[in-house]
Amino acid sequence: MYFQAVGKVNTGKTVELALQKAAEYGINDIVVASCGGDTAKLLVGKVENLVCVTHANGYAAPGESDMPDQVRHELAAQGVKLLTTTHVLSGAERGISRKFGGVYPVEIMAHTLRMFGQGVKVCVEIAVMALDAGLIPFGKDVIVIGGSAHGADTAVVMRPAHADHIFDNYIAEIICKPGHK
């Protein structure tokens, strides 16, 4: 499915398509990017293992989290595994490029993935982060949902690899993504 626009307008359909694909393939693990919690809430109770990856603390402003504490507690109480940590495709390397200029390998990788859309880059990134945190099983396909800004507009089936084997990530299928910017 190719959407005509990016962003939040596609969230409901993205979640619907992702859940259909999970049922079709018997996949019990979904990793979702959700900063404010809205997209994650749409998946609560609909999958065995739901992992919600947020922006790292300090993403918007030093020392601050995008996800309100109340939402974080609500999701956790409903069995959602929450992950807030350094982004694997930016993190410290972005700090180096901001300080000294230039472009570094991980940033090049992130920009290359963006050629398929911002949401595809997000999907790869959060799947690796969830695997590294031990929140999804190694060696199994998972459904990953990401977006281009607010909301979700991209979903993939992939078998993530750990960050130290980043090129072993395998995207088996793009379920949906924006077809145009």
C-alpha atoms as a PDB file:
ATOM      1  CA  MET A   1       0.000   0.000   0.000  1.00  0.00           C
ATOM      2  CA  TYR A   2       1.361   3.387  -0.955  1.00  0.00           C
ATOM      3  CA  PHE A   3      -0.159   6.394   0.775  1.00  0.00           C
ATOM      4  CA  GLN A   4      -0.577   9.672  -1.099  1.00  0.00           C
ATOM      5  CA  ALA A   5       0.517  11.740   1.923  1.00  0.00           C
ATOM      6  CA  VAL A   6       2.878  11.354   4.874  1.00  0.00           C
ATOM      7  CA  GLY A   7       2.042  11.454   8.540  1.00  0.00           C
ATOM      8  CA  LYS A   8      -0.759  11.107  11.020  1.00  0.00           C
ATOM      9  CA  VAL A   9      -3.565  10.821   8.467  1.00  0.00           C
ATOM     10  CA  ASN A  10      -2.330   7.271   7.743  1.00  0.00           C
ATOM     11  CA  THR A  11      -2.011   6.034  11.338  1.00  0.00           C
ATOM     12  CA  GLY A  12      -5.252   4.067  11.531  1.00  0.00           C
ATOM     13  CA  LYS A  13      -4.732   2.324   8.201  1.00  0.00           C
ATOM     14  CA  THR A  14      -1.066   1.605   8.991  1.00  0.00           C
ATOM     15  CA  VAL A  15      -2.020  -0.073  12.278  1.00  0.00           C
ATOM     16  CA  GLU A  16      -4.818  -2.012  10.553  1.00  0.00           C
ATOM     17  CA  LEU A  17      -2.495  -3.284   7.805  1.00  0.00           C
ATOM     18  CA  ALA A  18       0.231  -4.174  10.310  1.00  0.00           C
ATOM     19  CA  LEU A  19      -2.175  -6.197  12.446  1.00  0.00           C
ATOM     20  CA  GLN A  20      -3.517  -7.996   9.354  1.00  0.00           C
ATOM     21  CA  LYS A  21       0.015  -8.927   8.314  1.00  0.00           C
ATOM     22  CA  ALA A  22       0.879 -10.084  11.846  1.00  0.00           C
ATOM     23  CA  ALA A  23      -2.160 -12.378  11.822  1.00  0.00           C
ATOM     24  CA  GLU A  24      -1.364 -13.645   8.314  1.00  0.00           C
ATOM     25  CA  TYR A  25       2.222 -14.557   9.218  1.00  0.00           C
ATOM     26  CA  GLY A  26       1.617 -15.556  12.844  1.00  0.00           C
ATOM     27  CA  ILE A  27       3.895 -12.805  14.135  1.00  0.00           C
ATOM     28  CA  ASN A  28       3.436 -12.035  17.839  1.00  0.00           C
ATOM     29  CA  ASP A  29       5.882  -9.135  18.192  1.00  0.00           C
ATOM     30  CA  ILE A  30       5.226  -5.550  17.112  1.00  0.00           C
ATOM     31  CA  VAL A  31       7.651  -2.691  17.622  1.00  0.00           C
ATOM     32  CA  VAL A  32       6.114   0.771  17.259  1.00  0.00           C
ATOM     33  CA  ALA A  33       7.572   4.268  17.327  1.00  0.00           C
ATOM     34  CA  SER A  34       5.348   6.428  19.493  1.00  0.00           C
ATOM     35  CA  CYS A  35       6.481   9.654  21.107  1.00  0.00           C
ATOM     36  CA  GLY A  36       3.242  10.760  22.727  1.00  0.00           C
ATOM     37  CA  GLY A  37       1.742   7.281  23.030  1.00  0.00           C
ATOM     38  CA  ASP A  38      -1.211   7.662  20.642  1.00  0.00           C
ATOM     39  CA  THR A  39      -0.052   5.099  18.076  1.00  0.00           C
ATOM     40  CA  ALA A  40       0.943   2.598  20.767  1.00  0.00           C
ATOM     41  CA  LYS A  41      -2.504   2.915  22.367  1.00  0.00           C
ATOM     42  CA  LEU A  42      -4.094   1.726  19.113  1.00  0.00           C
ATOM     43  CA  LEU A  43      -2.188  -1.573  19.436  1.00  0.00           C
ATOM     44  CA  VAL A  44      -2.739  -2.312  23.135  1.00  0.00           C
ATOM     45  CA  GLY A  45      -4.289  -5.739  23.645  1.00  0.00           C
ATOM     46  CA  LYS A  46      -4.043  -6.657  19.968  1.00  0.00           C
ATOM     47  CA  VAL A  47      -0.652  -8.366  19.981  1.00  0.00           C
ATOM     48  CA  GLU A  48       1.186 -10.652  22.388  1.00  0.00           C
ATOM     49  CA  ASN A  49       4.354  -8.545  22.654  1.00  0.00           C
ATOM     50  CA  LEU A  50       4.083  -4.805  22.051  1.00  0.00           C
ATOM     51  CA  VAL A  51       7.230  -2.703  22.312  1.00  0.00           C
ATOM     52  CA  CYS A  52       6.897   1.084  22.179  1.00  0.00           C
ATOM     53  CA  VAL A  53      10.068   2.990  21.317  1.00  0.00           C
ATOM     54  CA  THR A  54      10.035   6.692  22.148  1.00  0.00           C
ATOM     55  CA  HIS A  55      12.381   9.509  21.291  1.00  0.00           C
ATOM     56  CA  ALA A  56      15.436   9.575  23.519  1.00  0.00           C
ATOM     57  CA  ASN A  57      15.209  11.875  26.510  1.00  0.00           C
ATOM     58  CA  GLY A  58      16.556  15.269  25.477  1.00  0.00           C
ATOM     59  CA  TYR A  59      15.388  14.880  21.863  1.00  0.00           C
ATOM     60  CA  ALA A  60      13.133  17.946  21.959  1.00  0.00           C
ATOM     61  CA  ALA A  61      14.777  19.742  24.877  1.00  0.00           C
ATOM     62  CA  PRO A  62      17.606  18.805  27.263  1.00  0.00           C
ATOM     63  CA  GLY A  63      16.419  16.591  30.100  1.00  0.00           C
ATOM     64  CA  GLU A  64      12.860  16.276  28.783  1.00  0.00           C
ATOM     65  CA  SER A  65      10.826  13.337  27.483  1.00  0.00           C
ATOM     66  CA  ASP A  66       8.276  13.641  24.682  1.00  0.00           C
ATOM     67  CA  MET A  67       6.016  11.073  26.349  1.00  0.00           C
ATOM     68  CA  PRO A  68       4.150  12.348  29.410  1.00  0.00           C
ATOM     69  CA  ASP A  69       4.737  10.290  32.569  1.00  0.00           C
ATOM     70  CA  GLN A  70       1.010   9.567  32.868  1.00  0.00           C
ATOM     71  CA  VAL A  71       0.916   8.021  29.377  1.00  0.00           C
ATOM     72  CA  ARG A  72       4.094   6.038  30.066  1.00  0.00           C
ATOM     73  CA  HIS A  73       2.567   4.579  33.260  1.00  0.00           C
ATOM     74  CA  GLU A  74      -0.751   3.858  31.503  1.00  0.00           C
ATOM     75  CA  LEU A  75       0.944   1.945  28.682  1.00  0.00           C
ATOM     76  CA  ALA A  76       3.195   0.010  31.067  1.00  0.00           C
ATOM     77  CA  ALA A  77       0.180  -0.958  33.189  1.00  0.00           C
ATOM     78  CA  GLN A  78      -1.386  -2.448  30.045  1.00  0.00           C
ATOM     79  CA  GLY A  79       1.671  -4.628  29.406  1.00  0.00           C
ATOM     80  CA  VAL A  80       3.436  -2.460  26.834  1.00  0.00           C
ATOM     81  CA  LYS A  81       7.225  -2.627  26.996  1.00  0.00           C
ATOM     82  CA  LEU A  82       8.596   0.913  26.752  1.00  0.00           C
ATOM     83  CA  LEU A  83      12.050   1.746  25.450  1.00  0.00           C
ATOM     84  CA  THR A  84      13.555   5.202  25.729  1.00  0.00           C
ATOM     85  CA  THR A  85      17.228   5.262  24.821  1.00  0.00           C
ATOM     86  CA  THR A  86      19.803   6.651  22.423  1.00  0.00           C
ATOM     87  CA  HIS A  87      18.826   6.305  18.781  1.00  0.00           C
ATOM     88  CA  VAL A  88      21.019   3.739  17.103  1.00  0.00           C
ATOM     89  CA  LEU A  89      21.220   5.626  13.779  1.00  0.00           C
ATOM     90  CA  SER A  90      22.245   8.954  15.276  1.00  0.00           C
ATOM     91  CA  GLY A  91      23.186   9.091  18.945  1.00  0.00           C
ATOM     92  CA  ALA A  92      26.776  10.015  19.717  1.00  0.00           C
ATOM     93  CA  GLU A  93      27.717  10.246  16.046  1.00  0.00           C
ATOM     94  CA  ARG A  94      25.293  13.148  15.542  1.00  0.00           C
ATOM     95  CA  GLY A  95      26.952  14.904  18.472  1.00  0.00           C
ATOM     96  CA  ILE A  96      30.332  14.549  16.772  1.00  0.00           C
ATOM     97  CA  SER A  97      29.059  15.912  13.459  1.00  0.00           C
ATOM     98  CA  ARG A  98      27.362  18.851  15.212  1.00  0.00           C
ATOM     99  CA  LYS A  99      30.571  19.692  17.050  1.00  0.00           C
ATOM    100  CA  PHE A 100      33.117  19.136  14.278  1.00  0.00           C
ATOM    101  CA  GLY A 101      31.099  19.092  11.055  1.00  0.00           C
ATOM    102  CA  GLY A 102      31.267  16.437   8.406  1.00  0.00           C
ATOM    103  CA  VAL A 103      29.298  13.297   7.794  1.00  0.00           C
ATOM    104  CA  TYR A 104      29.921   9.961   9.437  1.00  0.00           C
ATOM    105  CA  PRO A 105      29.076   6.357   8.453  1.00  0.00           C
ATOM    106  CA  VAL A 106      25.970   5.868  10.604  1.00  0.00           C
ATOM    107  CA  GLU A 107      24.504   9.154   9.347  1.00  0.00           C
ATOM    108  CA  ILE A 108      25.125   8.018   5.777  1.00  0.00           C
ATOM    109  CA  MET A 109      23.303   4.766   6.557  1.00  0.00           C
ATOM    110  CA  ALA A 110      20.346   6.702   8.007  1.00  0.00           C
ATOM    111  CA  HIS A 111      20.152   8.960   4.967  1.00  0.00           C
ATOM    112  CA  THR A 112      20.357   5.959   2.640  1.00  0.00           C
ATOM    113  CA  LEU A 113      17.408   4.316   4.416  1.00  0.00           C
ATOM    114  CA  ARG A 114      15.489   7.606   4.085  1.00  0.00           C
ATOM    115  CA  MET A 115      15.639   7.112   0.318  1.00  0.00           C
ATOM    116  CA  PHE A 116      12.871   4.552   0.957  1.00  0.00           C
ATOM    117  CA  GLY A 117      11.112   7.054   3.250  1.00  0.00           C
ATOM    118  CA  GLN A 118      11.647   8.441   6.742  1.00  0.00           C
ATOM    119  CA  GLY A 119       9.386   5.747   8.165  1.00  0.00           C
ATOM    120  CA  VAL A 120      11.543   2.927   6.769  1.00  0.00           C
ATOM    121  CA  LYS A 121      14.588   4.444   8.479  1.00  0.00           C
ATOM    122  CA  VAL A 122      12.612   4.693  11.730  1.00  0.00           C
ATOM    123  CA  CYS A 123      11.482   1.056  11.435  1.00  0.00           C
ATOM    124  CA  VAL A 124      15.015  -0.261  11.040  1.00  0.00           C
ATOM    125  CA  GLU A 125      16.287   1.947  13.851  1.00  0.00           C
ATOM    126  CA  ILE A 126      13.655   1.044  16.449  1.00  0.00           C
ATOM    127  CA  ALA A 127      13.779  -2.666  15.636  1.00  0.00           C
ATOM    128  CA  VAL A 128      17.529  -2.732  16.252  1.00  0.00           C
ATOM    129  CA  MET A 129      17.070  -0.751  19.464  1.00  0.00           C
ATOM    130  CA  ALA A 130      14.360  -3.149  20.713  1.00  0.00           C
ATOM    131  CA  LEU A 131      16.478  -6.192  19.865  1.00  0.00           C
ATOM    132  CA  ASP A 132      19.545  -4.733  21.585  1.00  0.00           C
ATOM    133  CA  ALA A 133      17.411  -4.081  24.680  1.00  0.00           C
ATOM    134  CA  GLY A 134      16.226  -7.710  24.711  1.00  0.00           C
ATOM    135  CA  LEU A 135      12.576  -6.758  24.193  1.00  0.00           C
ATOM    136  CA  ILE A 136      12.026  -8.852  21.054  1.00  0.00           C
ATOM    137  CA  PRO A 137      13.385 -12.283  20.140  1.00  0.00           C
ATOM    138  CA  PHE A 138      16.542 -12.694  18.101  1.00  0.00           C
ATOM    139  CA  GLY A 139      16.243 -14.426  14.738  1.00  0.00           C
ATOM    140  CA  LYS A 140      12.475 -14.007  14.317  1.00  0.00           C
ATOM    141  CA  ASP A 141      10.436 -11.775  12.048  1.00  0.00           C
ATOM    142  CA  VAL A 142       8.653  -8.866  13.705  1.00  0.00           C
ATOM    143  CA  ILE A 143       6.262  -6.188  12.512  1.00  0.00           C
ATOM    144  CA  VAL A 144       7.667  -2.681  12.868  1.00  0.00           C
ATOM    145  CA  ILE A 145       5.649   0.537  12.619  1.00  0.00           C
ATOM    146  CA  GLY A 146       7.193   3.974  12.160  1.00  0.00           C
ATOM    147  CA  GLY A 147       6.406   7.321  10.686  1.00  0.00           C
ATOM    148  CA  SER A 148       7.562  10.415   8.914  1.00  0.00           C
ATOM    149  CA  ALA A 149       6.687  12.972  11.561  1.00  0.00           C
ATOM    150  CA  HIS A 150       3.572  12.619  13.692  1.00  0.00           C
ATOM    151  CA  GLY A 151       1.612   9.402  13.664  1.00  0.00           C
ATOM    152  CA  ALA A 152       2.454   6.277  11.701  1.00  0.00           C
ATOM    153  CA  ASP A 153       2.634   5.883   7.938  1.00  0.00           C
ATOM    154  CA  THR A 154       5.057   2.993   7.467  1.00  0.00           C
ATOM    155  CA  ALA A 155       5.034  -0.666   8.474  1.00  0.00           C
ATOM    156  CA  VAL A 156       7.451  -3.448   7.579  1.00  0.00           C
ATOM    157  CA  VAL A 157       8.060  -7.103   8.264  1.00  0.00           C
ATOM    158  CA  MET A 158      11.690  -7.517   9.201  1.00  0.00           C
ATOM    159  CA  ARG A 159      14.191  -9.712  10.981  1.00  0.00           C
ATOM    160  CA  PRO A 160      16.302  -7.304  12.994  1.00  0.00           C
ATOM    161  CA  ALA A 161      19.964  -7.728  13.787  1.00  0.00           C
ATOM    162  CA  HIS A 162      21.900  -6.299  16.703  1.00  0.00           C
ATOM    163  CA  ALA A 163      23.580  -2.922  16.199  1.00  0.00           C
ATOM    164  CA  ASP A 164      27.012  -4.542  16.100  1.00  0.00           C
ATOM    165  CA  HIS A 165      25.798  -6.507  13.041  1.00  0.00           C
ATOM    166  CA  ILE A 166      23.744  -3.657  11.524  1.00  0.00           C
ATOM    167  CA  PHE A 167      24.114  -4.860   7.935  1.00  0.00           C
ATOM    168  CA  ASP A 168      22.492  -8.201   8.819  1.00  0.00           C
ATOM    169  CA  ASN A 169      19.085  -6.522   9.178  1.00  0.00           C
ATOM    170  CA  TYR A 170      16.623  -8.014   6.735  1.00  0.00           C
ATOM    171  CA  ILE A 171      13.488  -6.230   5.548  1.00  0.00           C
ATOM    172  CA  ALA A 172      11.259  -9.030   4.277  1.00  0.00           C
ATOM    173  CA  GLU A 173       8.321  -6.871   3.231  1.00  0.00           C
ATOM    174  CA  ILE A 174       7.196  -3.265   3.182  1.00  0.00           C
ATOM    175  CA  ILE A 175       3.555  -3.414   4.214  1.00  0.00           C
ATOM    176  CA  CYS A 176       2.835   0.258   3.618  1.00  0.00           C
ATOM    177  CA  LYS A 177       4.611   3.581   3.244  1.00  0.00           C
ATOM    178  CA  PRO A 178       4.037   6.973   1.680  1.00  0.00           C
ATOM    179  CA  GLY A 179       4.470   6.915  -2.082  1.00  0.00           C
ATOM    180  CA  HIS A 180       4.995  10.664  -2.315  1.00  0.00           C
ATOM    181  CA  LYS A 181       6.333  13.391  -0.059  1.00  0.00           C
END
